[in-house]
């Protein structure tokens, strides 16, 4: 199951400590940056994009996509919707899913060049990205590529 939310204002910022307790409860691991990333475990994944005010060091809007099944999925969705006052994403925001996907999975050519990554490694990353992108477009999970 998949649910998407937009948390406006300081909804995430003011509730992040309690949210992180739920994340810890389900042994979810973080991957990403201060602006985009996610947490995952066996039954649940949470992808998020943060819109930040770096000058004040706060998150002013968060966009969550929660995918999974079971108790962890339900608890996270309930917390985002009730405590963070997350609004379920509207059809107008449907392009956001792909924007977040791109931010998380698309290889960063500039970074790869700066570390002098071998061409074979770049090709490998782009191949993984294309497989994930095709799965994403077809509505399949974007988990580990084999």
N, C-alpha and C. Protein backbone atom coordinates (compact mmCIF):
# COMPACT_ATOMS: atom_id res chain seq x y z
N UNK A 1 0.85 -1.17 0.00
CA UNK A 1 0.00 0.00 0.00
C UNK A 1 0.89 1.24 0.00
N UNK A 2 0.40 2.30 -0.60
CA UNK A 2 1.17 3.53 -0.72
C UNK A 2 0.31 4.72 -0.32
N UNK A 3 0.83 5.56 0.55
CA UNK A 3 0.15 6.80 0.95
C UNK A 3 1.15 7.94 0.88
N UNK A 4 0.69 9.08 0.39
CA UNK A 4 1.54 10.26 0.27
C UNK A 4 0.95 11.42 1.04
N UNK A 5 1.81 12.21 1.67
CA UNK A 5 1.38 13.33 2.51
C UNK A 5 2.25 14.54 2.27
N UNK A 6 1.63 15.71 2.44
CA UNK A 6 2.37 16.97 2.45
C UNK A 6 2.18 17.56 3.84
N UNK A 7 3.29 17.83 4.52
CA UNK A 7 3.24 18.41 5.86
C UNK A 7 3.72 19.85 5.73
N UNK A 8 2.80 20.77 5.91
CA UNK A 8 3.13 22.19 5.74
C UNK A 8 3.62 22.79 7.06
N UNK A 9 4.27 23.92 6.91
CA UNK A 9 4.74 24.64 8.10
C UNK A 9 5.77 23.84 8.85
N UNK A 10 5.71 23.92 10.15
CA UNK A 10 6.70 23.28 11.00
C UNK A 10 6.23 21.91 11.50
N UNK A 11 5.27 21.31 10.82
CA UNK A 11 4.72 20.02 11.25
C UNK A 11 5.77 18.95 11.47
N UNK A 12 6.73 18.84 10.57
CA UNK A 12 7.80 17.86 10.76
C UNK A 12 8.79 18.36 11.81
N UNK A 13 9.24 19.58 11.64
CA UNK A 13 10.26 20.14 12.52
C UNK A 13 9.85 20.01 13.99
N UNK A 14 8.61 20.35 14.30
CA UNK A 14 8.14 20.34 15.68
C UNK A 14 7.89 18.94 16.22
N UNK A 15 7.78 17.94 15.35
CA UNK A 15 7.45 16.58 15.77
C UNK A 15 8.51 15.55 15.41
N UNK A 16 9.66 15.99 14.95
CA UNK A 16 10.64 15.05 14.41
C UNK A 16 11.21 14.10 15.45
N UNK A 17 11.33 14.52 16.70
CA UNK A 17 11.89 13.62 17.71
C UNK A 17 10.97 12.43 17.97
N UNK A 18 9.68 12.69 18.09
CA UNK A 18 8.73 11.59 18.29
C UNK A 18 8.63 10.73 17.04
N UNK A 19 8.69 11.35 15.85
CA UNK A 19 8.67 10.60 14.61
C UNK A 19 9.88 9.66 14.54
N UNK A 20 11.04 10.16 14.93
CA UNK A 20 12.25 9.35 14.90
C UNK A 20 12.19 8.19 15.90
N UNK A 21 11.43 8.35 16.98
CA UNK A 21 11.23 7.24 17.92
C UNK A 21 10.47 6.10 17.25
N UNK A 22 9.47 6.45 16.43
CA UNK A 22 8.73 5.42 15.69
C UNK A 22 9.65 4.75 14.68
N UNK A 23 10.45 5.55 13.99
CA UNK A 23 11.41 5.02 13.02
C UNK A 23 12.35 4.03 13.71
N UNK A 24 12.84 4.41 14.89
CA UNK A 24 13.76 3.55 15.65
C UNK A 24 13.05 2.27 16.12
N UNK A 25 11.81 2.41 16.52
CA UNK A 25 11.02 1.26 17.00
C UNK A 25 10.98 0.14 15.97
N UNK A 26 10.93 0.50 14.68
CA UNK A 26 10.85 -0.48 13.60
C UNK A 26 12.21 -0.72 12.94
N UNK A 27 13.29 -0.28 13.59
CA UNK A 27 14.65 -0.49 13.10
C UNK A 27 14.84 -0.03 11.66
N UNK A 28 14.27 1.12 11.33
CA UNK A 28 14.39 1.65 9.98
C UNK A 28 15.70 2.42 9.85
N UNK A 29 16.35 2.27 8.71
CA UNK A 29 17.64 2.91 8.46
C UNK A 29 17.48 4.08 7.50
N UNK A 30 18.20 5.17 7.77
CA UNK A 30 18.16 6.39 6.95
C UNK A 30 19.15 6.30 5.81
N UNK A 31 18.77 6.90 4.68
CA UNK A 31 19.67 7.09 3.56
C UNK A 31 19.26 8.36 2.85
N UNK A 32 20.19 9.27 2.63
CA UNK A 32 19.85 10.50 1.92
C UNK A 32 20.61 11.69 2.44
N UNK A 33 20.02 12.85 2.23
CA UNK A 33 20.66 14.12 2.61
C UNK A 33 19.69 14.94 3.45
N UNK A 34 20.04 16.19 3.69
CA UNK A 34 19.16 17.08 4.46
C UNK A 34 17.94 17.51 3.66
N UNK A 35 17.93 17.27 2.35
CA UNK A 35 16.80 17.71 1.53
C UNK A 35 15.97 16.58 0.96
N UNK A 36 16.51 15.37 0.88
CA UNK A 36 15.74 14.24 0.35
C UNK A 36 16.37 12.94 0.82
N UNK A 37 15.52 11.94 0.97
CA UNK A 37 16.03 10.64 1.38
C UNK A 37 14.91 9.77 1.87
N UNK A 38 15.23 8.89 2.79
CA UNK A 38 14.20 8.01 3.30
C UNK A 38 14.71 7.04 4.33
N UNK A 39 13.76 6.33 4.93
CA UNK A 39 14.03 5.30 5.91
C UNK A 39 13.42 4.02 5.37
N UNK A 40 14.00 2.89 5.74
CA UNK A 40 13.40 1.64 5.29
C UNK A 40 13.70 0.52 6.27
N UNK A 41 12.83 -0.48 6.22
CA UNK A 41 13.02 -1.72 6.94
C UNK A 41 12.36 -2.81 6.09
N UNK A 42 12.15 -3.97 6.66
CA UNK A 42 11.64 -5.09 5.88
C UNK A 42 10.26 -4.85 5.29
N UNK A 43 9.34 -4.23 6.04
CA UNK A 43 7.95 -4.10 5.59
C UNK A 43 7.52 -2.69 5.21
N UNK A 44 8.38 -1.70 5.45
CA UNK A 44 7.97 -0.31 5.24
C UNK A 44 9.12 0.51 4.68
N UNK A 45 8.78 1.43 3.77
CA UNK A 45 9.76 2.42 3.35
C UNK A 45 9.08 3.79 3.37
N UNK A 46 9.85 4.78 3.76
CA UNK A 46 9.38 6.16 3.81
C UNK A 46 10.35 6.98 2.98
N UNK A 47 9.84 7.62 1.92
CA UNK A 47 10.65 8.54 1.13
C UNK A 47 10.18 9.95 1.48
N UNK A 48 11.12 10.86 1.55
CA UNK A 48 10.76 12.21 1.97
C UNK A 48 11.61 13.25 1.23
N UNK A 49 10.98 14.38 0.98
CA UNK A 49 11.69 15.54 0.44
C UNK A 49 11.40 16.70 1.39
N UNK A 50 12.46 17.34 1.87
CA UNK A 50 12.33 18.46 2.79
C UNK A 50 12.57 19.77 2.06
N UNK A 51 11.72 20.74 2.31
CA UNK A 51 11.94 22.10 1.84
C UNK A 51 12.38 22.86 3.08
N UNK A 52 13.62 23.35 3.04
CA UNK A 52 14.23 23.88 4.25
C UNK A 52 14.50 25.38 4.16
N UNK A 53 14.53 25.99 5.34
CA UNK A 53 15.05 27.34 5.50
C UNK A 53 16.38 27.16 6.22
N UNK A 54 17.46 27.10 5.44
CA UNK A 54 18.76 26.82 6.03
C UNK A 54 19.25 27.94 6.95
N UNK A 55 18.82 29.15 6.67
CA UNK A 55 19.23 30.26 7.51
C UNK A 55 18.72 30.09 8.95
N UNK A 56 17.46 29.62 9.08
CA UNK A 56 16.87 29.38 10.40
C UNK A 56 17.09 27.95 10.87
N UNK A 57 17.64 27.09 9.99
CA UNK A 57 17.89 25.68 10.27
C UNK A 57 16.59 24.95 10.67
N UNK A 58 15.54 25.13 9.85
CA UNK A 58 14.29 24.44 10.09
C UNK A 58 13.72 23.90 8.78
N UNK A 59 12.89 22.90 8.91
CA UNK A 59 12.17 22.35 7.77
C UNK A 59 10.82 23.05 7.71
N UNK A 60 10.50 23.66 6.56
CA UNK A 60 9.25 24.41 6.45
C UNK A 60 8.16 23.65 5.70
N UNK A 61 8.53 22.61 4.96
CA UNK A 61 7.54 21.73 4.34
C UNK A 61 8.20 20.39 4.08
N UNK A 62 7.43 19.33 4.28
CA UNK A 62 7.93 17.97 4.06
C UNK A 62 6.93 17.22 3.22
N UNK A 63 7.44 16.43 2.31
CA UNK A 63 6.57 15.61 1.46
C UNK A 63 6.97 14.15 1.69
N UNK A 64 6.04 13.38 2.22
CA UNK A 64 6.28 12.00 2.59
C UNK A 64 5.56 11.05 1.66
N UNK A 65 6.22 9.95 1.34
CA UNK A 65 5.60 8.85 0.62
C UNK A 65 5.90 7.60 1.44
N UNK A 66 4.84 6.99 1.99
CA UNK A 66 4.99 5.83 2.86
C UNK A 66 4.45 4.62 2.11
N UNK A 67 5.28 3.59 2.00
CA UNK A 67 4.88 2.39 1.27
C UNK A 67 5.15 1.18 2.15
N UNK A 68 4.17 0.27 2.22
CA UNK A 68 4.40 -0.94 2.99
C UNK A 68 3.11 -1.59 3.45
N UNK A 69 3.29 -2.44 4.45
CA UNK A 69 2.17 -3.16 5.05
C UNK A 69 2.44 -3.30 6.54
N UNK A 70 1.37 -3.61 7.28
CA UNK A 70 1.52 -3.95 8.68
C UNK A 70 1.46 -2.79 9.65
N UNK A 71 1.81 -3.12 10.89
CA UNK A 71 1.70 -2.19 12.01
C UNK A 71 2.56 -0.94 11.83
N UNK A 72 3.81 -1.12 11.38
CA UNK A 72 4.70 0.02 11.19
C UNK A 72 4.16 1.00 10.17
N UNK A 73 3.65 0.47 9.06
CA UNK A 73 3.06 1.30 8.02
C UNK A 73 1.90 2.12 8.59
N UNK A 74 1.00 1.44 9.29
CA UNK A 74 -0.17 2.12 9.85
C UNK A 74 0.22 3.17 10.88
N UNK A 75 1.17 2.83 11.75
CA UNK A 75 1.58 3.77 12.79
C UNK A 75 2.24 5.02 12.19
N UNK A 76 3.09 4.83 11.21
CA UNK A 76 3.75 5.97 10.57
C UNK A 76 2.74 6.86 9.84
N UNK A 77 1.85 6.26 9.06
CA UNK A 77 0.84 7.06 8.34
C UNK A 77 -0.05 7.81 9.32
N UNK A 78 -0.47 7.13 10.38
CA UNK A 78 -1.33 7.77 11.38
C UNK A 78 -0.61 8.94 12.04
N UNK A 79 0.67 8.76 12.38
CA UNK A 79 1.42 9.83 13.01
C UNK A 79 1.57 11.03 12.08
N UNK A 80 1.93 10.77 10.84
CA UNK A 80 2.10 11.87 9.88
C UNK A 80 0.79 12.63 9.70
N UNK A 81 -0.31 11.90 9.60
CA UNK A 81 -1.60 12.54 9.34
C UNK A 81 -2.15 13.27 10.57
N UNK A 82 -2.02 12.67 11.76
CA UNK A 82 -2.65 13.27 12.93
C UNK A 82 -1.74 14.23 13.68
N UNK A 83 -0.53 13.82 13.99
CA UNK A 83 0.37 14.67 14.78
C UNK A 83 1.05 15.75 13.96
N UNK A 84 1.49 15.39 12.74
CA UNK A 84 2.17 16.37 11.89
C UNK A 84 1.18 17.15 11.03
N UNK A 85 -0.08 16.76 11.11
CA UNK A 85 -1.15 17.39 10.31
C UNK A 85 -0.88 17.28 8.82
N UNK A 86 -0.39 16.10 8.42
CA UNK A 86 -0.10 15.85 7.01
C UNK A 86 -1.36 15.75 6.18
N UNK A 87 -1.37 16.43 5.06
CA UNK A 87 -2.50 16.38 4.13
C UNK A 87 -2.21 15.32 3.09
N UNK A 88 -3.19 14.47 2.83
CA UNK A 88 -2.99 13.47 1.79
C UNK A 88 -2.77 14.20 0.48
N UNK A 89 -1.81 13.70 -0.28
CA UNK A 89 -1.41 14.37 -1.51
C UNK A 89 -2.52 14.37 -2.54
N UNK A 90 -2.71 15.50 -3.18
CA UNK A 90 -3.74 15.64 -4.20
C UNK A 90 -3.21 15.22 -5.56
N UNK A 91 -4.09 15.07 -6.53
CA UNK A 91 -3.71 14.72 -7.89
C UNK A 91 -2.78 15.77 -8.50
N UNK A 92 -2.94 17.03 -8.09
CA UNK A 92 -2.12 18.10 -8.64
C UNK A 92 -0.64 17.90 -8.32
N UNK A 93 -0.37 17.15 -7.26
CA UNK A 93 1.01 16.93 -6.85
C UNK A 93 1.57 15.61 -7.36
N UNK A 94 0.89 14.98 -8.32
CA UNK A 94 1.31 13.64 -8.77
C UNK A 94 2.72 13.63 -9.37
N UNK A 95 3.15 14.74 -9.95
CA UNK A 95 4.49 14.79 -10.53
C UNK A 95 5.57 14.78 -9.45
N UNK A 96 5.20 15.09 -8.22
CA UNK A 96 6.14 15.12 -7.12
C UNK A 96 6.79 13.75 -6.90
N UNK A 97 6.02 12.67 -7.07
CA UNK A 97 6.56 11.32 -6.88
C UNK A 97 7.81 11.13 -7.73
N UNK A 98 7.71 11.51 -8.98
CA UNK A 98 8.84 11.31 -9.88
C UNK A 98 10.00 12.24 -9.52
N UNK A 99 9.70 13.45 -9.08
CA UNK A 99 10.75 14.38 -8.67
C UNK A 99 11.55 13.81 -7.51
N UNK A 100 10.86 13.23 -6.53
CA UNK A 100 11.55 12.63 -5.39
C UNK A 100 12.36 11.42 -5.86
N UNK A 101 11.76 10.60 -6.72
CA UNK A 101 12.47 9.44 -7.28
C UNK A 101 13.78 9.88 -7.92
N UNK A 102 13.72 10.92 -8.75
CA UNK A 102 14.91 11.43 -9.43
C UNK A 102 15.96 11.91 -8.43
N UNK A 103 15.52 12.61 -7.39
CA UNK A 103 16.46 13.14 -6.40
C UNK A 103 17.20 12.02 -5.67
N UNK A 104 16.50 10.91 -5.45
CA UNK A 104 17.09 9.81 -4.69
C UNK A 104 17.95 8.90 -5.56
N UNK A 105 17.46 8.56 -6.75
CA UNK A 105 18.10 7.50 -7.52
C UNK A 105 18.96 7.94 -8.71
N UNK A 106 18.74 9.11 -9.23
CA UNK A 106 19.49 9.51 -10.43
C UNK A 106 20.95 9.77 -10.08
N UNK A 107 21.88 9.12 -10.79
CA UNK A 107 23.30 9.33 -10.50
C UNK A 107 23.70 10.80 -10.67
N UNK A 108 24.54 11.27 -9.79
CA UNK A 108 25.01 12.64 -9.80
C UNK A 108 26.32 12.70 -10.59
N UNK A 109 26.20 13.07 -11.86
CA UNK A 109 27.36 13.09 -12.76
C UNK A 109 28.48 14.00 -12.25
N UNK A 110 28.11 15.15 -11.74
CA UNK A 110 29.11 16.10 -11.25
C UNK A 110 29.94 15.48 -10.13
N UNK A 111 29.27 14.82 -9.20
CA UNK A 111 29.97 14.17 -8.10
C UNK A 111 30.85 13.03 -8.62
N UNK A 112 30.30 12.22 -9.52
CA UNK A 112 31.06 11.08 -10.06
C UNK A 112 32.34 11.56 -10.77
N UNK A 113 32.24 12.68 -11.47
CA UNK A 113 33.42 13.24 -12.13
C UNK A 113 34.42 13.76 -11.09
N UNK A 114 33.90 14.38 -10.02
CA UNK A 114 34.80 14.96 -9.02
C UNK A 114 35.61 13.90 -8.29
N UNK A 115 35.11 12.67 -8.22
CA UNK A 115 35.86 11.60 -7.56
C UNK A 115 36.56 10.68 -8.56
N UNK A 116 36.51 11.09 -9.84
CA UNK A 116 37.14 10.31 -10.91
C UNK A 116 36.66 8.87 -10.93
N UNK A 117 35.34 8.71 -10.83
CA UNK A 117 34.75 7.36 -10.85
C UNK A 117 35.00 6.70 -12.21
N UNK A 118 35.33 5.42 -12.22
CA UNK A 118 35.56 4.72 -13.48
C UNK A 118 34.29 4.67 -14.33
N UNK A 119 34.48 4.64 -15.64
CA UNK A 119 33.34 4.59 -16.57
C UNK A 119 32.47 3.36 -16.31
N UNK A 120 33.09 2.24 -15.96
CA UNK A 120 32.31 1.02 -15.70
C UNK A 120 31.37 1.21 -14.52
N UNK A 121 31.82 1.94 -13.49
CA UNK A 121 30.97 2.20 -12.33
C UNK A 121 29.83 3.14 -12.70
N UNK A 122 30.13 4.17 -13.51
CA UNK A 122 29.08 5.09 -13.96
C UNK A 122 28.02 4.34 -14.76
N UNK A 123 28.46 3.45 -15.67
CA UNK A 123 27.51 2.66 -16.46
C UNK A 123 26.65 1.78 -15.57
N UNK A 124 27.28 1.19 -14.56
CA UNK A 124 26.55 0.35 -13.60
C UNK A 124 25.46 1.16 -12.89
N UNK A 125 25.81 2.36 -12.40
CA UNK A 125 24.83 3.21 -11.71
C UNK A 125 23.69 3.62 -12.63
N UNK A 126 24.02 3.98 -13.87
CA UNK A 126 22.98 4.38 -14.82
C UNK A 126 22.07 3.20 -15.18
N UNK A 127 22.64 2.01 -15.27
CA UNK A 127 21.83 0.82 -15.55
C UNK A 127 20.86 0.57 -14.40
N UNK A 128 21.34 0.67 -13.16
CA UNK A 128 20.46 0.50 -11.99
C UNK A 128 19.35 1.55 -12.01
N UNK A 129 19.72 2.78 -12.31
CA UNK A 129 18.74 3.86 -12.36
C UNK A 129 17.65 3.57 -13.40
N UNK A 130 18.04 3.15 -14.59
CA UNK A 130 17.07 2.86 -15.65
C UNK A 130 16.13 1.72 -15.26
N UNK A 131 16.66 0.69 -14.64
CA UNK A 131 15.82 -0.43 -14.19
C UNK A 131 14.83 0.05 -13.14
N UNK A 132 15.32 0.83 -12.18
CA UNK A 132 14.44 1.36 -11.14
C UNK A 132 13.39 2.29 -11.73
N UNK A 133 13.82 3.14 -12.67
CA UNK A 133 12.89 4.09 -13.28
C UNK A 133 11.78 3.35 -14.03
N UNK A 134 12.14 2.33 -14.78
CA UNK A 134 11.11 1.56 -15.49
C UNK A 134 10.16 0.90 -14.51
N UNK A 135 10.68 0.37 -13.41
CA UNK A 135 9.83 -0.21 -12.37
C UNK A 135 8.94 0.83 -11.74
N UNK A 136 9.49 2.02 -11.51
CA UNK A 136 8.71 3.11 -10.91
C UNK A 136 7.56 3.50 -11.83
N UNK A 137 7.85 3.66 -13.10
CA UNK A 137 6.84 4.08 -14.07
C UNK A 137 5.75 3.01 -14.19
N UNK A 138 6.14 1.75 -14.08
CA UNK A 138 5.17 0.65 -14.16
C UNK A 138 4.45 0.43 -12.84
N UNK A 139 4.81 1.18 -11.80
CA UNK A 139 4.14 1.07 -10.52
C UNK A 139 4.69 -0.01 -9.62
N UNK A 140 5.88 -0.50 -9.92
CA UNK A 140 6.49 -1.54 -9.10
C UNK A 140 7.42 -0.89 -8.09
N UNK A 141 7.73 -1.64 -7.03
CA UNK A 141 8.64 -1.15 -6.00
C UNK A 141 10.00 -0.85 -6.61
N UNK A 142 10.72 0.08 -6.01
CA UNK A 142 12.02 0.48 -6.53
C UNK A 142 13.14 -0.03 -5.63
N UNK A 143 13.01 -1.25 -5.14
CA UNK A 143 14.00 -1.81 -4.23
C UNK A 143 15.32 -2.12 -4.91
N UNK A 144 16.09 -2.96 -4.28
CA UNK A 144 17.44 -3.28 -4.75
C UNK A 144 17.40 -3.91 -6.13
N UNK A 145 18.31 -3.48 -6.98
CA UNK A 145 18.41 -3.99 -8.34
C UNK A 145 19.42 -5.11 -8.34
N UNK A 146 19.10 -6.21 -9.02
CA UNK A 146 20.01 -7.36 -9.09
C UNK A 146 20.72 -7.40 -10.42
